[in-house]
Protein backbone atom coordinates (compact mmCIF):
# COMPACT_ATOMS: atom_id res chain seq x y z
CA MET A 1 20.32 7.66 -7.66
CA ALA A 2 17.13 7.22 -5.53
CA LYS A 3 16.76 5.46 -2.78
CA LYS A 4 14.24 1.97 -3.09
CA ILE A 5 10.80 2.34 -1.42
CA ASP A 6 10.54 -0.97 0.61
CA SER A 7 7.09 -2.46 0.56
CA PRO A 8 4.64 -1.13 3.31
CA CYS A 9 3.35 -4.83 3.97
CA ILE A 10 3.57 -5.52 7.66
CA SER A 11 2.69 -9.26 7.36
CA VAL A 12 -0.82 -8.87 8.76
CA CYS A 13 -2.85 -9.69 5.35
CA GLN A 14 -6.53 -9.51 5.56
CA LEU A 15 -8.29 -8.06 2.85
CA LYS A 16 -11.41 -6.23 3.87
CA GLY A 17 -13.52 -4.49 0.78
CA GLY A 18 -10.74 -5.07 -1.39
CA LEU A 19 -8.23 -3.04 0.71
CA CYS A 20 -5.42 -4.89 2.91
CA THR A 21 -6.26 -3.91 6.71
CA GLY A 22 -2.52 -3.97 7.62
CA CYS A 23 -0.91 -2.15 5.09
CA GLY A 24 -4.12 -0.07 3.51
CA ARG A 25 -3.12 -1.03 -0.18
CA SER A 26 -5.83 -1.98 -2.45
CA VAL A 27 -5.24 -5.57 -4.09
CA GLU A 28 -4.19 -3.95 -7.49
CA GLU A 29 -1.30 -1.89 -5.86
CA ILE A 30 -0.32 -4.76 -3.71
CA ARG A 31 -0.37 -7.02 -7.05
CA HIS A 32 1.82 -4.38 -8.98
CA TRP A 33 3.95 -2.99 -6.31
CA LYS A 34 7.22 -4.61 -7.58
CA SER A 35 6.55 -3.16 -11.22
CA MET A 36 5.40 0.19 -10.06
CA LYS A 37 7.92 3.27 -10.83
CA ARG A 38 9.33 5.46 -7.76
CA PRO A 39 6.33 8.07 -8.85
CA GLU A 40 3.32 5.58 -8.33
CA LYS A 41 4.95 3.94 -5.30
CA ILE A 42 4.89 6.99 -3.12
CA THR A 43 1.39 8.03 -4.63
CA ALA A 44 0.10 4.51 -3.33
CA LEU A 45 1.83 4.89 0.15
CA LYS A 46 -0.25 8.12 0.47
CA ARG A 47 -3.67 6.39 -0.50
CA ALA A 48 -2.95 3.77 1.42
CA ASP A 49 -1.92 5.87 4.59
CA GLN A 50 -5.10 8.02 4.38
CA ARG A 51 -7.48 4.36 3.82
CA ARG A 52 -5.47 2.71 6.97
CA LYS A 53 -6.70 6.04 8.74
CA LYS A 54 -10.24 5.68 8.01
CA LEU A 55 -9.99 1.75 8.53
CA ASN A 56 -8.86 2.40 12.04
CA LYS A 57 -11.57 4.82 13.22
């Protein structure tokens, strides 16, 4: 069985333009995280990482 993918939340929840500045996820990704399947979570994590890099520039 595949390992559980934990939420990337770092408890710095501040929204800017519909994105969390702490984890990089969109409001929709945050809202649906618990109901997402593993492939959806992996995709969301990749997108969040890219967004976070852009936010930190």
